[in-house]
Amino acid sequence: MWWANLGGTVVTGNDTLNTKNSVYQYIDALRRRELAVREYNTVKNEYDLEQACLTQMVKLESTLDDARPVVHDVTTKLGAFANVWAAIGVDIRTIQNWLTYAEGPESKLFSRRIQRLENLYGCLSKALRYYQVTVQPP
């Protein structure tokens, strides 16, 4: 086949087949490149979203750190309210027990205990009203 090499070009019957194969290889390479570009863009978009979320989390953490004393103050006050309501619950159960011992509403012991609770709850009412009026939420 020395004659096929004359003029610097190889002439064979497989030339069209090689051209078709190279076109298929080129198209396959383009397809793989497009897939890689899509995957890269997907990963980049996820990364950008995560970066934005991270930035927001840092801002949120900073805000919460600034609000920590206020939150502590509010939770302390809520704890005090919980204690008050617990005391009220105990008093209600105590009244129920006293009612079983009372011979009637005219009983002196019953009346004295009710008077004491009336004074206690009057004082509690004044304190809660003072709290409501003087303490302003942040």
Protein backbone atom coordinates (compact mmCIF):
# COMPACT_ATOMS: atom_id res chain seq x y z
CA MET A 1 0.00 0.00 0.00
CA TRP A 2 2.83 2.28 -0.60
CA TRP A 3 0.86 3.89 -3.43
CA ALA A 4 -1.87 5.01 -1.01
CA ASN A 5 0.60 7.26 0.75
CA LEU A 6 1.47 9.32 -2.25
CA GLY A 7 0.77 12.99 -1.82
CA GLY A 8 0.80 12.77 1.97
CA THR A 9 -2.78 11.52 2.33
CA VAL A 10 -3.79 8.06 3.30
CA VAL A 11 -6.60 6.84 1.16
CA THR A 12 -8.47 3.88 2.49
CA GLY A 13 -11.98 2.62 2.32
CA ASN A 14 -12.39 3.12 6.09
CA ASP A 15 -12.06 6.91 5.93
CA THR A 16 -15.83 7.57 6.09
CA LEU A 17 -16.13 5.13 8.98
CA ASN A 18 -13.35 6.92 10.86
CA THR A 19 -15.04 10.25 10.17
CA LYS A 20 -18.35 8.93 11.50
CA ASN A 21 -16.60 7.56 14.60
CA SER A 22 -14.88 10.85 15.23
CA VAL A 23 -18.21 12.71 14.87
CA TYR A 24 -19.81 10.31 17.36
CA GLN A 25 -16.89 10.76 19.72
CA TYR A 26 -17.18 14.53 19.39
CA ILE A 27 -20.94 14.43 20.08
CA ASP A 28 -20.37 12.10 23.04
CA ALA A 29 -17.70 14.43 24.40
CA LEU A 30 -20.08 17.41 24.02
CA ARG A 31 -22.83 15.48 25.82
CA ARG A 32 -20.49 14.56 28.68
CA ARG A 33 -19.32 18.16 28.90
CA GLU A 34 -22.92 19.41 29.09
CA LEU A 35 -23.65 16.90 31.85
CA ALA A 36 -20.57 18.03 33.74
CA VAL A 37 -21.57 21.71 33.33
CA ARG A 38 -25.09 20.95 34.61
CA GLU A 39 -23.71 19.04 37.58
CA TYR A 40 -21.26 21.86 38.32
CA ASN A 41 -24.05 24.45 38.16
CA THR A 42 -26.24 22.35 40.45
CA VAL A 43 -23.46 21.99 43.01
CA LYS A 44 -22.61 25.69 42.72
CA ASN A 45 -26.24 26.69 43.27
CA GLU A 46 -26.44 24.42 46.33
CA TYR A 47 -23.21 25.94 47.63
CA ASP A 48 -24.49 29.49 47.11
CA LEU A 49 -27.73 28.61 48.93
CA GLU A 50 -25.79 27.09 51.82
CA GLN A 51 -23.56 30.17 51.99
CA ALA A 52 -26.64 32.43 52.16
CA CYS A 53 -28.14 30.24 54.89
CA LEU A 54 -24.87 30.31 56.81
CA THR A 55 -24.74 34.09 56.58
CA GLN A 56 -28.30 34.31 57.90
CA MET A 57 -27.46 31.91 60.73
CA VAL A 58 -24.50 34.08 61.75
CA LYS A 59 -26.75 37.16 61.78
CA LEU A 60 -29.39 35.28 63.76
CA GLU A 61 -26.83 34.07 66.28
CA SER A 62 -25.57 37.62 66.73
CA THR A 63 -29.12 38.88 67.26
CA LEU A 64 -29.86 36.13 69.75
CA ASP A 65 -26.64 36.83 71.63
CA ASP A 66 -27.70 40.47 71.92
CA ALA A 67 -31.15 39.42 73.14
CA ARG A 68 -29.87 36.86 75.65
CA PRO A 69 -30.25 39.15 78.72
CA VAL A 70 -33.80 40.06 77.69
CA VAL A 71 -34.71 36.42 77.16
CA HIS A 72 -33.23 35.52 80.54
CA ASP A 73 -35.22 38.30 82.20
CA VAL A 74 -38.46 37.19 80.54
CA THR A 75 -37.94 33.53 81.43
CA THR A 76 -37.19 34.48 85.03
CA LYS A 77 -40.42 36.44 85.20
CA LEU A 78 -42.35 33.61 83.58
CA GLY A 79 -40.89 31.29 86.20
CA ALA A 80 -42.17 33.64 88.90
CA PHE A 81 -45.64 33.51 87.33
CA ALA A 82 -45.46 29.73 87.29
CA ASN A 83 -44.63 29.77 90.99
CA VAL A 84 -47.59 32.08 91.67
CA TRP A 85 -49.96 29.80 89.80
CA ALA A 86 -48.56 26.80 91.66
CA ALA A 87 -49.26 28.59 94.95
CA ILE A 88 -52.79 29.33 93.78
CA GLY A 89 -53.29 25.66 92.93
CA VAL A 90 -52.07 24.62 96.37
CA ASP A 91 -54.42 27.14 97.96
CA ILE A 92 -57.37 25.82 95.98
CA ARG A 93 -56.64 22.28 97.12
CA THR A 94 -56.28 23.57 100.68
CA ILE A 95 -59.66 25.30 100.45
CA GLN A 96 -61.20 22.06 99.22
CA ASN A 97 -59.73 20.27 102.24
CA TRP A 98 -60.93 23.02 104.60
CA LEU A 99 -64.41 22.76 103.20
CA THR A 100 -64.54 19.14 104.33
CA TYR A 101 -63.63 20.22 107.91
CA ALA A 102 -65.99 23.16 108.05
CA GLU A 103 -69.27 22.50 109.73
CA GLY A 104 -70.87 25.29 107.82
CA PRO A 105 -70.13 28.68 106.27
CA GLU A 106 -70.60 30.23 109.72
CA SER A 107 -67.61 28.35 111.17
CA LYS A 108 -65.08 30.80 112.69
CA LEU A 109 -62.05 28.76 111.57
CA PHE A 110 -63.38 28.61 108.03
CA SER A 111 -64.13 32.35 108.01
CA ARG A 112 -60.66 33.27 109.33
CA ARG A 113 -58.94 31.13 106.70
CA ILE A 114 -61.06 32.58 103.91
CA GLN A 115 -60.31 36.10 105.19
CA ARG A 116 -56.59 35.32 105.19
CA LEU A 117 -56.78 34.03 101.59
CA GLU A 118 -58.79 37.08 100.56
CA ASN A 119 -56.05 39.35 101.93
CA LEU A 120 -53.33 37.26 100.28
CA TYR A 121 -55.01 37.28 96.88
CA GLY A 122 -55.76 41.01 97.21
CA CYS A 123 -52.05 41.61 97.76
CA LEU A 124 -51.19 39.34 94.81
CA SER A 125 -53.67 41.19 92.63
CA LYS A 126 -52.09 44.56 93.50
CA ALA A 127 -48.59 43.22 92.78
CA LEU A 128 -49.62 41.77 89.42
CA ARG A 129 -51.42 45.00 88.47
CA TYR A 130 -48.28 46.98 89.40
CA TYR A 131 -46.19 44.62 87.26
CA GLN A 132 -48.60 44.94 84.34
CA VAL A 133 -48.63 48.75 84.46
CA THR A 134 -44.96 49.50 85.19
CA VAL A 135 -43.06 46.82 83.26
CA GLN A 136 -42.89 47.56 79.55
CA PRO A 137 -41.94 44.77 77.13
CA PRO A 138 -38.73 45.41 75.14
